[in-house]
Protein backbone atom coordinates (compact mmCIF):
# COMPACT_ATOMS: atom_id res chain seq x y z
CA MET A 1 0.00 0.00 0.00
CA GLU A 2 2.81 2.42 0.76
CA GLU A 3 4.22 1.96 -2.74
CA LEU A 4 0.79 2.61 -4.27
CA LEU A 5 0.38 5.80 -2.26
CA LYS A 6 3.84 7.01 -3.27
CA TYR A 7 2.84 6.35 -6.88
CA VAL A 8 -0.23 8.56 -6.39
CA ILE A 9 2.02 11.36 -5.10
CA ASP A 10 4.34 11.08 -8.10
CA VAL A 11 1.47 11.07 -10.62
CA GLY A 12 -0.21 14.06 -8.97
CA LEU A 13 2.97 16.13 -8.97
CA GLY A 14 3.57 15.10 -12.58
CA GLU A 15 0.11 16.40 -13.49
CA GLY A 16 0.98 19.83 -12.13
CA ALA A 17 -0.33 19.68 -8.57
CA ASP A 18 1.51 21.80 -6.00
CA TYR A 19 0.48 19.44 -3.17
CA VAL A 20 -0.76 15.86 -3.15
CA GLU A 21 -2.21 13.88 -0.24
CA ALA A 22 -3.09 10.16 -0.46
CA ARG A 23 -4.92 8.42 2.39
CA TYR A 24 -5.60 4.69 2.49
CA HIS A 25 -8.57 4.28 4.83
CA LYS A 26 -10.14 0.96 5.84
CA LEU A 27 -13.06 0.54 8.23
CA THR A 28 -14.08 -2.96 9.28
CA GLU A 29 -17.25 -3.16 11.38
CA SER A 30 -19.06 -6.07 13.00
CA TYR A 31 -22.45 -5.44 14.54
CA ILE A 32 -25.33 -7.06 16.33
CA ALA A 33 -28.70 -5.42 17.02
CA MET A 34 -31.54 -6.64 19.25
CA ARG A 35 -35.11 -5.57 19.96
CA PHE A 36 -36.17 -6.93 23.32
CA ASP A 37 -34.69 -10.46 23.35
CA ARG A 38 -34.74 -11.01 19.58
CA VAL A 39 -31.76 -10.52 17.30
CA ILE A 40 -32.96 -8.35 14.39
CA SER A 41 -29.65 -7.77 12.62
CA ILE A 42 -26.17 -9.21 12.65
CA GLY A 43 -23.33 -8.80 10.19
CA LYS A 44 -20.08 -7.29 9.06
CA SER A 45 -19.17 -4.48 6.69
CA VAL A 46 -15.90 -3.37 5.13
CA SER A 47 -15.18 0.06 3.64
CA GLU A 48 -11.75 0.26 1.99
CA GLY A 49 -10.22 2.68 -0.45
CA VAL A 50 -8.00 5.69 -1.05
CA GLY A 51 -8.97 9.35 -0.76
CA ILE A 52 -6.81 11.83 -2.68
CA ARG A 53 -6.57 15.62 -2.34
CA VAL A 54 -4.56 17.94 -4.53
CA LEU A 55 -3.83 21.66 -4.58
CA VAL A 56 -3.44 23.12 -8.06
CA LYS A 57 -2.64 26.85 -8.18
CA GLY A 58 -4.79 27.63 -5.14
CA SER A 59 -7.67 25.30 -6.02
CA LEU A 60 -8.47 22.17 -4.03
CA GLY A 61 -9.62 18.92 -5.65
CA PHE A 62 -10.70 15.64 -4.07
CA ALA A 63 -11.42 12.19 -5.51
CA SER A 64 -11.55 8.65 -4.16
CA THR A 65 -11.62 5.04 -5.31
CA ASN A 66 -12.05 1.57 -3.85
CA ILE A 67 -10.16 -0.05 -6.72
CA LEU A 68 -6.66 -0.45 -5.34
CA THR A 69 -4.60 -0.82 -8.52
CA ARG A 70 -2.00 1.49 -10.03
CA GLU A 71 -4.27 2.14 -13.02
CA ALA A 72 -7.32 3.06 -10.95
CA LEU A 73 -5.32 5.24 -8.57
CA GLU A 74 -3.64 7.02 -11.47
CA GLU A 75 -7.04 7.80 -12.98
CA THR A 76 -8.35 8.98 -9.60
CA VAL A 77 -5.52 11.41 -8.88
CA LYS A 78 -5.85 12.79 -12.42
CA ASN A 79 -9.59 13.31 -11.76
CA ALA A 80 -8.73 15.22 -8.58
CA VAL A 81 -6.41 17.50 -10.57
CA ILE A 82 -9.09 18.04 -13.24
CA LYS A 83 -11.63 18.96 -10.55
CA ALA A 84 -9.21 21.39 -8.93
CA ARG A 85 -8.57 23.16 -12.22
CA ALA A 86 -12.29 23.27 -13.03
CA LEU A 87 -13.11 24.86 -9.67
CA ALA A 88 -10.29 27.42 -9.71
CA LYS A 89 -12.44 30.29 -10.99
CA GLN A 90 -14.93 29.89 -8.14
CA TYR A 91 -12.44 30.83 -5.42
CA LYS A 92 -12.38 34.47 -4.32
CA GLU A 93 -9.06 33.80 -2.64
CA PRO A 94 -6.65 30.98 -3.54
CA ILE A 95 -6.44 28.16 -1.01
CA GLU A 96 -3.12 27.84 0.77
CA PHE A 97 -2.06 25.51 3.56
CA ALA A 98 -0.24 26.63 6.71
CA ASN A 99 3.23 25.19 7.11
CA VAL A 100 3.56 22.07 9.25
CA LYS A 101 6.41 19.98 10.59
CA VAL A 102 6.06 16.67 8.78
CA LYS A 103 6.82 13.38 10.48
CA GLU A 104 6.95 9.67 9.81
CA VAL A 105 5.08 7.91 12.61
CA LYS A 106 3.14 4.74 13.40
CA TYR A 107 0.79 4.24 16.33
CA GLU A 108 -1.74 1.62 17.36
CA VAL A 109 -4.28 1.01 20.12
CA LYS A 110 -3.83 -2.50 21.52
CA PRO A 111 -7.02 -4.18 22.81
CA LYS A 112 -6.82 -6.21 26.01
CA ILE A 113 -9.72 -8.43 24.95
CA LYS A 114 -9.94 -8.91 21.18
CA PHE A 115 -13.30 -8.83 19.42
CA GLU A 116 -13.05 -12.48 18.40
CA ASP A 117 -12.31 -13.60 21.99
CA ILE A 118 -16.01 -13.43 22.90
CA SER A 119 -18.49 -15.42 20.80
CA ILE A 120 -21.61 -13.95 19.21
CA GLU A 121 -23.68 -16.28 21.37
CA ASP A 122 -22.13 -14.86 24.53
CA LYS A 123 -22.77 -11.30 23.34
CA ILE A 124 -26.44 -12.14 22.75
CA LYS A 125 -26.62 -13.76 26.19
CA HIS A 126 -25.05 -10.62 27.70
CA TYR A 127 -27.78 -8.35 26.33
CA LYS A 128 -30.57 -10.78 27.21
CA GLN A 129 -29.31 -10.58 30.80
CA LEU A 130 -29.33 -6.78 30.55
CA LEU A 131 -32.97 -6.91 29.39
CA ASN A 132 -33.94 -9.29 32.21
CA ASN A 133 -32.33 -7.01 34.79
CA LEU A 134 -34.04 -3.99 33.27
CA ARG A 135 -37.47 -5.64 33.43
CA SER A 136 -37.00 -6.84 37.00
CA SER A 137 -35.91 -3.38 38.14
CA LEU A 138 -39.34 -1.91 37.31
CA LYS A 139 -42.00 -2.35 39.98
CA LYS A 140 -45.01 -0.44 38.61
CA ALA A 141 -44.13 1.12 35.26
CA LYS A 142 -44.21 -1.02 32.12
CA LEU A 143 -41.28 -1.50 29.77
CA GLN A 144 -42.76 -0.53 26.39
CA THR A 145 -39.73 -0.55 24.12
CA PHE A 146 -36.16 -1.79 24.26
CA PHE A 147 -33.39 -1.93 21.67
CA ILE A 148 -29.63 -2.27 21.75
CA GLU A 149 -26.82 -2.43 19.21
CA GLN A 150 -23.14 -3.24 19.62
CA VAL A 151 -20.61 -2.23 16.95
CA GLU A 152 -16.97 -3.33 16.93
CA SER A 153 -14.78 -1.47 14.45
CA ILE A 154 -11.16 -1.34 13.38
CA GLU A 155 -9.98 1.80 11.59
CA ARG A 156 -6.74 1.56 9.63
CA LYS A 157 -5.15 4.59 7.97
CA ASN A 158 -2.01 5.14 5.95
CA LEU A 159 -1.43 8.78 4.99
CA ILE A 160 1.35 10.03 2.71
CA THR A 161 1.78 13.61 1.45
CA SER A 162 4.02 15.23 -1.12
CA GLU A 163 5.63 17.22 1.72
CA GLY A 164 7.02 14.03 3.28
CA ALA A 165 4.46 13.18 5.96
CA LYS A 166 3.85 9.47 6.60
CA VAL A 167 1.33 8.49 9.26
CA GLU A 168 0.06 4.96 9.89
CA SER A 169 -2.51 4.15 12.56
CA ILE A 170 -4.74 1.30 13.73
CA ILE A 171 -7.56 2.12 16.16
CA PRO A 172 -10.11 -0.48 17.31
CA ARG A 173 -13.31 0.92 18.82
CA VAL A 174 -16.37 -0.43 20.62
CA MET A 175 -19.74 1.32 20.62
CA VAL A 176 -22.98 0.31 22.34
CA TYR A 177 -26.14 2.27 21.56
CA GLY A 178 -29.45 1.45 23.17
CA GLY A 179 -32.68 2.78 24.55
CA TYR A 180 -35.94 1.99 26.28
CA THR A 181 -39.30 3.53 27.15
CA ILE A 182 -41.14 3.09 30.43
CA HIS A 183 -44.81 3.96 30.79
CA SER A 184 -47.38 4.46 33.51
CA PRO A 185 -51.06 4.98 32.51
CA GLU A 186 -51.45 7.51 35.32
CA LYS A 187 -48.08 9.26 35.19
CA GLY A 188 -47.00 9.22 31.55
CA THR A 189 -43.86 8.14 29.74
CA MET A 190 -40.11 8.45 30.01
CA GLN A 191 -37.73 7.60 27.21
CA ARG A 192 -34.03 6.95 27.67
CA THR A 193 -31.31 6.48 25.07
CA PHE A 194 -27.68 5.82 25.92
CA GLU A 195 -24.43 5.45 24.03
CA LYS A 196 -21.09 4.17 25.23
CA GLY A 197 -17.95 4.24 23.13
CA GLY A 198 -14.20 4.04 23.42
CA SER A 199 -11.00 2.96 21.71
CA GLY A 200 -9.78 -0.48 22.71
CA GLY A 201 -11.26 -3.96 22.91
CA LEU A 202 -14.09 -5.73 24.68
CA GLU A 203 -12.54 -4.94 28.05
CA LEU A 204 -14.57 -1.74 27.69
CA LEU A 205 -17.79 -3.72 28.22
CA GLU A 206 -16.55 -4.78 31.64
CA LYS A 207 -15.72 -1.19 32.49
CA TRP A 208 -19.15 0.09 31.46
CA ASP A 209 -21.03 -2.75 33.22
CA LEU A 210 -24.26 -2.01 31.38
CA VAL A 211 -26.03 -5.08 32.77
CA ARG A 212 -25.96 -3.44 36.19
CA ASN A 213 -25.94 0.26 35.36
CA VAL A 214 -28.85 0.32 32.89
CA SER A 215 -31.21 -1.42 35.31
CA GLU A 216 -30.15 0.78 38.23
CA GLU A 217 -30.80 3.91 36.19
CA ALA A 218 -34.18 2.57 35.05
CA LYS A 219 -35.12 2.03 38.70
CA ARG A 220 -34.33 5.69 39.43
CA LEU A 221 -36.22 6.88 36.35
CA GLU A 222 -39.31 4.96 37.47
CA GLU A 223 -39.17 6.87 40.74
CA VAL A 224 -38.91 10.16 38.84
CA LEU A 225 -41.86 9.18 36.63
CA LEU A 226 -44.09 8.11 39.50
CA LYS A 227 -43.09 10.61 42.20
CA GLY A 228 -41.66 13.58 40.33
CA VAL A 229 -43.05 17.08 40.80
CA SER A 230 -42.74 20.20 38.69
CA PRO A 231 -39.61 22.31 39.24
CA PRO A 232 -39.79 25.27 41.65
CA LYS A 233 -41.08 28.55 40.23
CA GLY A 234 -38.87 31.59 40.07
CA LYS A 235 -35.10 31.73 39.80
CA VAL A 236 -33.22 28.92 41.49
CA ASP A 237 -29.76 27.37 41.46
CA VAL A 238 -29.46 24.54 38.95
CA VAL A 239 -26.84 21.79 39.12
CA VAL A 240 -26.28 20.30 35.68
CA GLY A 241 -24.85 16.77 35.38
CA SER A 242 -21.91 15.81 33.20
CA GLU A 243 -24.09 14.33 30.43
CA VAL A 244 -25.95 17.60 29.95
CA VAL A 245 -22.81 19.71 30.42
CA GLY A 246 -20.98 17.63 27.82
CA LEU A 247 -23.75 18.07 25.27
CA ILE A 248 -23.91 21.81 25.93
CA VAL A 249 -20.15 22.34 25.45
CA HIS A 250 -20.18 20.17 22.31
CA GLU A 251 -23.00 22.17 20.76
CA SER A 252 -22.37 25.69 22.09
CA CYS A 253 -18.57 25.74 22.12
CA GLY A 254 -17.23 22.96 19.89
CA HIS A 255 -19.36 23.52 16.80
CA PRO A 256 -19.25 27.33 16.79
CA SER A 257 -15.45 27.16 17.29
CA GLU A 258 -14.91 25.27 14.01
CA ALA A 259 -13.00 27.73 11.86
CA ASP A 260 -14.56 26.54 8.59
CA ARG A 261 -17.98 27.15 10.10
CA ILE A 262 -16.89 30.62 11.24
CA LEU A 263 -15.81 31.34 7.66
CA GLY A 264 -19.23 30.24 6.37
CA ARG A 265 -18.45 26.87 4.81
CA GLU A 266 -21.09 24.99 6.85
CA ALA A 267 -23.83 27.64 6.49
CA ALA A 268 -25.93 25.67 3.98
CA GLN A 269 -25.59 22.34 5.81
CA ALA A 270 -25.04 22.35 9.57
CA GLY A 271 -25.57 26.07 10.14
CA GLU A 272 -23.56 29.14 11.08
CA SER A 273 -21.69 30.33 14.17
CA PHE A 274 -22.27 33.19 16.56
CA ILE A 275 -18.46 33.45 16.75
CA LYS A 276 -16.92 35.88 14.27
CA GLU A 277 -13.36 35.97 12.97
CA ASP A 278 -12.27 38.77 15.31
CA MET A 279 -13.66 37.33 18.56
CA ILE A 280 -10.50 35.73 19.96
CA GLY A 281 -10.12 37.30 23.42
CA LYS A 282 -13.82 38.12 23.82
CA LYS A 283 -15.33 37.26 27.22
CA ILE A 284 -18.03 34.58 26.99
CA GLY A 285 -18.40 33.37 30.59
CA SER A 286 -17.12 33.17 34.14
CA GLU A 287 -13.60 32.20 35.24
CA LYS A 288 -14.85 28.62 35.69
CA ALA A 289 -15.71 28.31 31.98
CA THR A 290 -12.80 26.45 30.35
CA VAL A 291 -13.64 24.10 27.47
CA ILE A 292 -11.01 21.73 26.05
CA ASP A 293 -11.01 19.57 22.93
CA ASP A 294 -8.40 16.83 23.30
CA PRO A 295 -8.02 13.89 20.86
CA THR A 296 -5.05 12.44 22.75
CA ILE A 297 -7.00 11.06 25.76
CA PRO A 298 -6.12 7.33 25.98
CA GLY A 299 -9.13 5.05 25.54
CA SER A 300 -11.35 7.85 24.27
CA TYR A 301 -13.89 7.38 21.47
CA GLY A 302 -12.51 10.37 19.54
CA TYR A 303 -8.88 9.29 19.99
CA TYR A 304 -6.11 10.07 17.48
CA LEU A 305 -2.52 11.32 17.68
CA TYR A 306 -2.18 12.76 14.16
CA ASP A 307 -4.99 14.18 12.06
CA ASP A 308 -5.77 13.36 8.43
CA GLU A 309 -3.49 16.13 7.16
CA GLY A 310 -0.52 14.67 9.07
CA VAL A 311 -0.60 17.32 11.81
CA LYS A 312 0.24 16.24 15.36
CA ALA A 313 -2.79 16.39 17.65
CA ARG A 314 -2.88 18.36 20.90
CA PRO A 315 -5.39 19.64 23.46
CA LYS A 316 -7.16 22.81 22.27
CA TYR A 317 -8.42 25.34 24.84
CA LEU A 318 -11.46 26.71 23.00
CA TYR A 319 -12.81 28.78 25.92
CA LYS A 320 -10.24 29.54 28.61
CA ASN A 321 -11.33 31.02 31.95
CA GLY A 322 -14.41 32.50 30.30
CA VAL A 323 -12.64 33.90 27.23
CA ILE A 324 -12.80 32.67 23.61
CA ASN A 325 -9.24 31.41 23.24
CA GLU A 326 -8.75 29.49 19.97
CA PHE A 327 -10.63 27.88 17.10
CA LEU A 328 -10.50 24.37 15.70
CA HIS A 329 -8.31 24.50 12.58
CA ASN A 330 -7.19 22.54 9.57
CA ARG A 331 -4.24 23.72 7.49
CA TRP A 332 -6.37 25.92 5.21
CA THR A 333 -8.16 27.84 7.98
CA ALA A 334 -4.92 28.09 9.94
CA LYS A 335 -3.38 29.90 6.97
CA VAL A 336 -6.39 32.21 6.72
CA PHE A 337 -6.16 33.11 10.42
CA GLY A 338 -2.35 33.32 10.45
CA VAL A 339 -1.84 30.52 13.00
CA GLU A 340 -0.58 26.94 13.05
CA SER A 341 -2.99 24.09 12.45
CA ASN A 342 -3.98 22.44 15.74
CA GLY A 343 -4.64 19.05 14.12
CA SER A 344 -8.44 19.07 13.82
CA ALA A 345 -8.90 17.64 10.30
CA ARG A 346 -10.67 14.26 10.13
CA ALA A 347 -12.37 12.21 7.44
CA ALA A 348 -15.07 9.65 8.20
CA ASP A 349 -13.91 7.22 5.49
CA TYR A 350 -12.02 7.04 2.21
CA THR A 351 -14.89 8.67 0.28
CA SER A 352 -14.72 11.77 2.50
CA GLU A 353 -12.37 14.73 2.47
CA PRO A 354 -10.77 15.75 5.78
CA ILE A 355 -12.73 18.57 7.39
CA ILE A 356 -12.55 20.30 10.77
CA ARG A 357 -14.00 18.08 13.51
CA MET A 358 -14.21 17.86 17.27
CA SER A 359 -12.72 14.87 19.11
CA ASN A 360 -13.23 14.75 22.90
CA THR A 361 -14.74 18.03 24.07
CA TYR A 362 -15.29 18.77 27.76
CA LEU A 363 -15.62 21.42 30.44
CA GLU A 364 -12.58 21.47 32.70
CA PRO A 365 -13.35 20.11 36.21
CA GLY A 366 -12.59 21.85 39.50
CA GLY A 367 -11.67 20.60 42.95
CA LEU A 368 -15.00 20.35 44.80
CA SER A 369 -16.81 17.16 45.75
CA PHE A 370 -20.42 16.77 44.64
CA GLU A 371 -21.56 17.33 48.23
CA GLU A 372 -19.58 20.58 48.43
CA LEU A 373 -21.16 21.70 45.17
CA LEU A 374 -24.62 21.29 46.71
CA GLU A 375 -24.00 22.53 50.23
CA ASP A 376 -25.03 26.19 49.82
CA VAL A 377 -28.03 25.52 47.53
CA LYS A 378 -31.14 26.44 49.54
CA CYS A 379 -33.59 25.58 46.79
CA GLY A 380 -32.58 24.17 43.44
CA VAL A 381 -32.75 21.37 40.90
CA TYR A 382 -30.16 18.79 39.88
CA ILE A 383 -30.58 17.76 36.22
CA LYS A 384 -28.47 14.63 35.83
CA SER A 385 -29.44 13.55 32.29
CA PHE A 386 -31.53 14.75 29.36
CA MET A 387 -34.41 13.33 27.33
CA GLU A 388 -34.41 15.76 24.39
CA TRP A 389 -32.70 18.95 23.26
CA ASN A 390 -32.40 21.48 20.44
CA ILE A 391 -30.23 24.46 19.49
CA ASP A 392 -30.42 27.15 16.83
CA ASP A 393 -28.26 27.39 13.71
CA ILE A 394 -25.74 29.86 15.14
CA ARG A 395 -25.38 27.84 18.39
CA TRP A 396 -26.73 30.56 20.66
CA SER A 397 -30.26 29.74 21.92
CA GLN A 398 -30.75 26.21 23.25
CA ARG A 399 -33.18 24.04 25.19
CA TYR A 400 -32.69 20.83 27.21
CA VAL A 401 -35.45 18.71 28.75
CA GLY A 402 -34.26 16.94 31.87
CA LEU A 403 -34.76 13.21 32.38
CA GLU A 404 -33.32 12.11 35.72
CA ALA A 405 -33.73 15.17 37.92
CA TYR A 406 -33.93 15.92 41.65
CA LEU A 407 -35.05 18.62 44.03
CA ILE A 408 -32.30 20.19 46.16
CA GLU A 409 -33.20 21.69 49.56
CA HIS A 410 -30.63 23.11 51.97
CA GLY A 411 -27.75 21.33 50.27
CA GLU A 412 -29.36 17.89 50.10
CA ILE A 413 -31.25 15.82 47.50
CA LYS A 414 -34.84 15.74 48.77
CA GLY A 415 -37.07 14.41 46.00
CA TYR A 416 -37.71 13.99 42.30
CA VAL A 417 -38.38 16.61 39.62
CA LYS A 418 -40.23 15.73 36.44
CA TYR A 419 -39.60 17.16 32.95
CA PRO A 420 -37.61 20.31 33.93
CA VAL A 421 -36.62 22.48 30.97
CA LEU A 422 -33.37 24.43 30.86
CA GLU A 423 -33.77 27.10 28.18
CA ILE A 424 -30.71 29.31 27.97
CA THR A 425 -28.34 31.20 25.68
CA THR A 426 -24.72 30.26 25.25
CA GLU A 427 -23.47 33.37 27.04
CA SER A 428 -25.96 32.92 29.88
CA PHE A 429 -24.87 29.33 30.47
CA TYR A 430 -21.14 30.08 30.69
CA SER A 431 -21.63 33.38 32.55
CA ASN A 432 -23.79 31.73 35.23
CA ILE A 433 -21.29 28.98 36.06
CA GLU A 434 -20.67 29.54 39.76
CA ALA A 435 -18.87 26.31 40.67
CA VAL A 436 -17.76 22.99 39.16
CA ASP A 437 -16.90 19.76 40.92
CA LYS A 438 -14.05 17.31 40.26
CA ASN A 439 -16.18 14.46 38.88
CA LEU A 440 -15.19 14.50 35.21
CA GLU A 441 -17.20 12.01 33.13
CA PHE A 442 -17.40 11.42 29.38
CA HIS A 443 -20.24 10.29 27.13
CA ALA A 444 -20.00 8.97 23.58
CA GLY A 445 -21.62 10.22 20.41
CA THR A 446 -21.36 10.27 16.64
CA CYS A 447 -20.94 13.86 15.48
CA GLY A 448 -22.43 14.79 12.11
CA LYS A 449 -21.14 17.47 9.79
CA GLY A 450 -20.38 18.19 6.15
CA GLU A 451 -21.93 17.73 2.73
CA PRO A 452 -21.96 14.85 1.92
CA ALA A 453 -22.56 14.11 5.60
CA GLN A 454 -19.80 12.60 7.69
CA GLY A 455 -20.22 11.02 11.12
CA VAL A 456 -17.17 10.62 13.37
CA PRO A 457 -16.78 9.21 16.90
CA VAL A 458 -16.50 11.77 19.70
CA TRP A 459 -16.66 12.07 23.45
CA PHE A 460 -18.34 14.97 25.23
CA GLY A 461 -18.24 15.50 28.93
CA GLY A 462 -17.55 17.55 32.00
CA PRO A 463 -18.06 17.66 35.77
CA ASN A 464 -21.25 18.59 37.59
CA VAL A 465 -21.79 22.35 37.21
CA LYS A 466 -23.72 24.79 39.40
CA LEU A 467 -25.56 27.62 37.66
CA LYS A 468 -26.96 30.53 39.66
CA ASN A 469 -30.34 32.28 39.28
CA ILE A 470 -31.90 30.17 36.53
CA MET A 471 -35.59 30.11 35.61
CA LEU A 472 -36.67 26.56 34.70
CA GLY A 473 -39.65 25.61 32.58
CA VAL A 474 -41.69 22.40 32.39
CA ALA A 475 -42.04 20.25 29.27
CA PRO A 476 -45.61 19.33 28.24
CA HIS A 477 -46.52 15.75 29.11
């Protein structure tokens, strides 16, 4: 494969390209899906090919193929050059890439328990046990729906550029996505979805312990459904759990900090950004508001050490102590903004061009315990998880409906709160952060962006966060 990629580089330069990038990208996925105790889908898929980008006199071209022969790759790189030349007149400004220190590097995530070490039959048995535990945890509410899917993937990449970069990587990942609905004729319905993901092997399943944790959460949600009351009226302190915090920072910091979005590239697809090009240094929140995007966290779902342009990855401090600090960049936007790329370019597969993406985005934790976070709350609400959410196109106005939620009185959890609604602007959320605890947790997701759409694995997370003087609503039910 390395020889084929070098051949692509040589052909592209021979056709007049100023820069050539060839990425072999193979995704192998095995999956099993169940509805209640029945297996509804099981199988394996393989996506394998080469994605090629070229720069020709300031115009960018991309093409890909899954035919891995010299002839097919030669035709593909020539097509990329033709596209670049054809598009040249559409650019107001020529595309240039920021300089980067190129390296030759190999890295791999080693699983402790390989995918093939546990049989399909045992995996099915595992999720049947989860379902049995879930059913037995409910005393009065009825389990109306249940589904679960497990996906095991191995992502292999081999990137070579005309500047001398060579990056090879192998990253296995495990993802479990599931959900259920519980219902009471008198009290209504609650719906829960959950997703776990990480890089590594099936040892992750032991760490997550879904057989125990899903049923224990369902037991708590039944209590909320049956005994929950409406949130207090007027302004109160609100403690937001890591799941909700993680989603908020992903949506209201990560996405609007993508430099291509700030420049308008995503406007017709995913939306725009409230952040403008000159807003580095602008205050957005309190001193406690520091948001980091870090692809280098071992075991993370969004893990990588070098991006798909060959740039070394590092933690990015998007908001730092309440101030907009830096954007997520690829080499093109880094050149536009006069900075170095911070290694944020990723492609979902060989058919996709590398674009600016988040990896593992989280609010920085503090030093308090959860009990210390609550101790001076006279009357408030703790929203641990969410049931639904939405946010506007510029990532400013947003709404989150709480799922597992509790009443706080005089620093202690005193009861259950049903369907609380946190409706807030981005600036209001970060400005009202009064305290954060030390309990950093991460949650998995698949982040969508681009046209054609690309989905990539990410983590989002944070500690528990206390917001002051918040007016909560109630969702209709």
